[in-house]
Amino acid sequence: MGDDYRVLKLGGSLITDKRVPYSFREEVIRQIVKELKGFKVVLVHGGGSFGHYEASINDSFRTTRTALAMHDLNLRITRVLLSEGIKAFPLPGRCFSLDGIHEILENGFVPITYGDVLPNGEIISGDDLTLTLAKHFKVIALFAVDVDGVMVGGKVKDRINSLEGIVDLETGRYDVTGGIVGKIKKIFQYRVNSLIFNGKDPANVYKALRGEKVGTLVEAEG
């Protein structure tokens, strides 16, 4: 697995309740964080009811509010990591670079980057960051979400190797980055094998980090 790094994204719908603005699921985060110990992890997180909510309101303060909301969410997650004994160092998505990630790793920290916004209002997707990192480290991208995998015909699909027949899952009210279908399209665009699984069960997180199959495997390399 390359340098034995794992690239794990904590989906916004997993770590927040996307139906309720600024709802933070601290206990979900804490249970996941406990499973990270012993692994070399690069973390990414989505915006959920923080960034997505603010980005969905189109006014002249949208960019500032979205940046502040994402900073707020990242601080909350980083504090949980710290309280569980994990040395994490945040890297805002607007400052993201692979050199920055390597600098954090070389200094003995767990990088945690996140979906963000640029001063021009352009949204930076956490999925893009995750796939960029997984491609760089030549590993499977791990997407922890709040459902068991990708639904096709009302059932969780074990494996996907094309976009044909994909049924969109219900997208949260404030989702501004395309939902599950948008995620899968990006996976194929980046040509990075990915695992989409339910992160509510911490055992799934541990299994995914160990390289075991849980949820839906999206086979995008060709």
Protein backbone atom coordinates (compact mmCIF):
# COMPACT_ATOMS: atom_id res chain seq x y z
CA MET A 1 0.00 0.00 0.00
CA GLY A 2 2.59 2.55 -1.13
CA ASP A 3 4.14 4.01 2.01
CA ASP A 4 1.43 2.28 4.04
CA TYR A 5 -0.62 5.47 4.20
CA ARG A 6 -4.40 5.34 4.23
CA VAL A 7 -6.47 8.18 2.80
CA LEU A 8 -9.77 8.40 4.66
CA LYS A 9 -12.56 10.89 4.06
CA LEU A 10 -15.17 11.46 6.73
CA GLY A 11 -18.31 12.41 4.85
CA GLY A 12 -20.29 15.46 5.88
CA SER A 13 -23.47 13.40 6.24
CA LEU A 14 -21.62 11.10 8.65
CA ILE A 15 -20.10 13.67 10.97
CA THR A 16 -23.06 16.08 10.97
CA ASP A 17 -26.82 15.91 10.59
CA LYS A 18 -27.21 17.63 7.22
CA ARG A 19 -30.86 18.36 7.99
CA VAL A 20 -29.91 20.62 10.91
CA PRO A 21 -27.45 23.52 10.44
CA TYR A 22 -24.33 23.28 12.62
CA SER A 23 -25.15 19.87 14.10
CA PHE A 24 -21.92 18.10 15.08
CA ARG A 25 -21.89 14.36 15.78
CA GLU A 26 -19.03 14.35 18.27
CA GLU A 27 -19.59 10.78 19.46
CA VAL A 28 -19.51 9.46 15.88
CA ILE A 29 -16.20 11.25 15.36
CA ARG A 30 -14.81 9.98 18.65
CA GLN A 31 -15.65 6.35 17.86
CA ILE A 32 -14.00 6.66 14.45
CA VAL A 33 -10.91 8.35 15.87
CA LYS A 34 -10.39 5.47 18.28
CA GLU A 35 -10.01 3.15 15.25
CA LEU A 36 -7.27 5.27 13.66
CA LYS A 37 -4.59 4.45 16.21
CA GLY A 38 -1.82 2.32 14.78
CA PHE A 39 -2.43 3.40 11.18
CA LYS A 40 -0.65 6.00 9.08
CA VAL A 41 -3.62 8.09 7.98
CA VAL A 42 -4.24 11.21 5.94
CA LEU A 43 -7.68 12.56 6.86
CA VAL A 44 -10.15 14.58 4.83
CA HIS A 45 -13.58 15.72 5.93
CA GLY A 46 -16.62 17.14 4.22
CA GLY A 47 -18.75 20.15 5.09
CA GLY A 48 -22.06 18.63 6.09
CA SER A 49 -24.43 21.00 7.86
CA PHE A 50 -21.62 23.52 8.36
CA GLY A 51 -20.07 24.41 5.00
CA HIS A 52 -22.84 23.05 2.77
CA TYR A 53 -25.46 25.00 4.67
CA GLU A 54 -23.63 28.32 4.39
CA ALA A 55 -22.63 27.72 0.76
CA SER A 56 -26.28 27.12 -0.13
CA ILE A 57 -27.20 30.69 0.88
CA ASN A 58 -26.27 32.95 -2.02
CA ASP A 59 -25.57 36.40 -0.66
CA SER A 60 -22.58 38.76 -0.55
CA PHE A 61 -21.24 37.16 2.67
CA ARG A 62 -21.50 33.55 1.44
CA THR A 63 -17.75 33.05 0.93
CA THR A 64 -16.74 34.38 4.34
CA ARG A 65 -19.48 32.47 6.14
CA THR A 66 -18.59 29.21 4.36
CA ALA A 67 -14.89 29.59 5.18
CA LEU A 68 -15.70 30.27 8.84
CA ALA A 69 -18.12 27.34 9.03
CA MET A 70 -15.52 24.92 7.66
CA HIS A 71 -12.89 26.29 10.02
CA ASP A 72 -15.31 25.77 12.91
CA LEU A 73 -16.01 22.15 11.91
CA ASN A 74 -12.32 21.40 11.43
CA LEU A 75 -11.49 22.80 14.86
CA ARG A 76 -14.10 20.56 16.47
CA ILE A 77 -12.78 17.45 14.74
CA THR A 78 -9.15 18.31 15.46
CA ARG A 79 -9.95 18.81 19.15
CA VAL A 80 -11.46 15.30 19.27
CA LEU A 81 -8.32 13.88 17.65
CA LEU A 82 -6.17 15.69 20.20
CA SER A 83 -8.28 14.48 23.13
CA GLU A 84 -7.83 10.90 21.90
CA GLY A 85 -4.05 11.24 21.75
CA ILE A 86 -3.65 11.69 18.00
CA LYS A 87 -1.27 14.43 16.87
CA ALA A 88 -3.23 16.07 14.08
CA PHE A 89 -2.37 19.19 12.12
CA PRO A 90 -5.00 20.99 10.02
CA LEU A 91 -4.47 22.11 6.43
CA PRO A 92 -7.38 24.16 5.07
CA GLY A 93 -8.53 23.08 1.64
CA ARG A 94 -7.80 26.55 0.23
CA CYS A 95 -4.14 26.04 1.26
CA PHE A 96 -3.94 22.40 0.12
CA SER A 97 -0.83 21.10 -1.60
CA LEU A 98 0.86 17.73 -1.70
CA ASP A 99 4.05 19.37 -0.43
CA GLY A 100 2.07 20.70 2.52
CA ILE A 101 0.73 17.22 3.29
CA HIS A 102 4.24 15.74 3.16
CA GLU A 103 5.61 18.47 5.42
CA ILE A 104 2.96 17.64 8.02
CA LEU A 105 3.71 13.91 7.77
CA GLU A 106 7.47 14.45 7.98
CA ASN A 107 6.99 16.33 11.24
CA GLY A 108 5.12 13.42 12.79
CA PHE A 109 1.56 14.73 12.51
CA VAL A 110 -1.63 13.33 11.00
CA PRO A 111 -2.75 15.76 8.27
CA ILE A 112 -6.40 16.73 8.29
CA THR A 113 -7.62 18.73 5.32
CA TYR A 114 -11.15 19.54 4.25
CA GLY A 115 -13.54 20.86 1.67
CA ASP A 116 -13.31 24.62 1.59
CA VAL A 117 -13.91 27.78 -0.41
CA LEU A 118 -11.59 30.11 -2.34
CA PRO A 119 -11.79 33.91 -2.09
CA ASN A 120 -13.48 33.98 -5.51
CA GLY A 121 -16.29 31.82 -4.11
CA GLU A 122 -15.22 28.61 -5.84
CA ILE A 123 -16.00 25.52 -3.74
CA ILE A 124 -13.18 23.08 -3.07
CA SER A 125 -14.60 19.58 -2.85
CA GLY A 126 -13.37 17.21 -0.18
CA ASP A 127 -13.90 14.38 -2.66
CA ASP A 128 -11.42 15.99 -5.05
CA LEU A 129 -8.88 16.33 -2.25
CA THR A 130 -9.40 12.71 -1.21
CA LEU A 131 -8.97 11.35 -4.73
CA THR A 132 -5.94 13.55 -5.38
CA LEU A 133 -4.30 12.18 -2.23
CA ALA A 134 -5.20 8.55 -2.93
CA LYS A 135 -3.86 8.84 -6.48
CA HIS A 136 -0.65 10.41 -5.18
CA PHE A 137 -0.07 7.71 -2.55
CA LYS A 138 -1.27 4.98 -4.95
CA VAL A 139 -3.87 3.65 -2.50
CA ILE A 140 -7.60 2.99 -2.40
CA ALA A 141 -9.62 6.05 -1.43
CA LEU A 142 -11.71 5.30 1.67
CA PHE A 143 -15.04 7.15 1.88
CA ALA A 144 -16.81 6.78 5.23
CA VAL A 145 -20.45 7.83 4.75
CA ASP A 146 -23.74 7.39 6.59
CA VAL A 147 -25.14 4.56 4.42
CA ASP A 148 -23.99 1.00 3.79
CA GLY A 149 -22.70 1.66 0.28
CA VAL A 150 -23.99 2.51 -3.18
CA MET A 151 -27.60 1.58 -3.81
CA VAL A 152 -28.52 -0.01 -7.13
CA GLY A 153 -32.07 -1.34 -7.54
CA GLY A 154 -32.75 -0.82 -3.86
CA LYS A 155 -29.80 -2.95 -2.72
CA VAL A 156 -26.22 -2.25 -1.74
CA LYS A 157 -23.97 -2.96 -4.68
CA ASP A 158 -20.93 -5.05 -3.78
CA ARG A 159 -18.80 -3.78 -6.67
CA ILE A 160 -19.13 -1.14 -9.38
CA ASN A 161 -16.96 -0.97 -12.47
CA SER A 162 -19.01 1.48 -14.57
CA LEU A 163 -21.55 4.27 -14.15
CA GLU A 164 -24.27 2.28 -15.86
CA GLY A 165 -27.30 1.57 -13.69
CA ILE A 166 -26.30 3.78 -10.77
CA VAL A 167 -29.31 5.10 -8.83
CA ASP A 168 -28.82 8.37 -7.00
CA LEU A 169 -29.26 8.19 -3.26
CA GLU A 170 -31.25 10.96 -1.63
CA THR A 171 -29.09 14.06 -1.46
CA GLY A 172 -29.16 16.16 1.69
CA ARG A 173 -30.99 19.45 1.62
CA TYR A 174 -27.80 21.52 1.76
CA ASP A 175 -25.55 19.35 -0.43
CA VAL A 176 -23.79 21.56 -2.98
CA THR A 177 -21.27 19.04 -4.33
CA GLY A 178 -23.43 16.50 -6.16
CA GLY A 179 -24.30 13.65 -3.78
CA ILE A 180 -23.32 10.02 -4.27
CA VAL A 181 -23.56 10.03 -8.06
CA GLY A 182 -21.27 13.05 -8.21
CA LYS A 183 -18.83 11.18 -5.97
CA ILE A 184 -18.83 8.12 -8.21
CA LYS A 185 -18.37 10.22 -11.35
CA LYS A 186 -15.33 11.84 -9.77
CA ILE A 187 -13.93 8.46 -8.77
CA PHE A 188 -14.04 7.37 -12.41
CA GLN A 189 -12.70 10.71 -13.56
CA TYR A 190 -9.66 10.33 -11.29
CA ARG A 191 -9.38 6.59 -12.07
CA VAL A 192 -8.83 5.74 -8.41
CA ASN A 193 -10.22 2.57 -6.86
CA SER A 194 -12.40 3.55 -3.92
CA LEU A 195 -14.35 2.02 -1.07
CA ILE A 196 -17.65 3.57 0.03
CA PHE A 197 -18.86 2.23 3.37
CA ASN A 198 -20.89 3.03 6.46
CA GLY A 199 -18.71 4.83 8.98
CA LYS A 200 -21.36 4.78 11.70
CA ASP A 201 -20.05 1.34 12.60
CA PRO A 202 -16.47 1.86 13.84
CA ALA A 203 -15.71 -1.78 13.01
CA ASN A 204 -16.16 -0.88 9.34
CA VAL A 205 -13.60 1.90 9.67
CA TYR A 206 -11.10 -0.49 11.22
CA LYS A 207 -11.71 -3.11 8.53
CA ALA A 208 -11.34 -0.56 5.74
CA LEU A 209 -8.08 0.71 7.21
CA ARG A 210 -6.83 -2.89 7.37
CA GLY A 211 -7.59 -3.30 3.68
CA GLU A 212 -10.67 -5.49 4.15
CA LYS A 213 -13.71 -5.21 1.90
CA VAL A 214 -16.73 -3.41 3.37
CA GLY A 215 -19.51 -1.53 1.63
CA THR A 216 -19.14 -0.93 -2.11
CA LEU A 217 -15.86 -1.24 -3.98
CA VAL A 218 -15.71 1.13 -6.96
CA GLU A 219 -13.21 -0.25 -9.43
CA ALA A 220 -12.20 2.79 -11.47
CA GLU A 221 -8.68 1.95 -12.54
CA GLY A 222 -8.48 0.77 -16.11
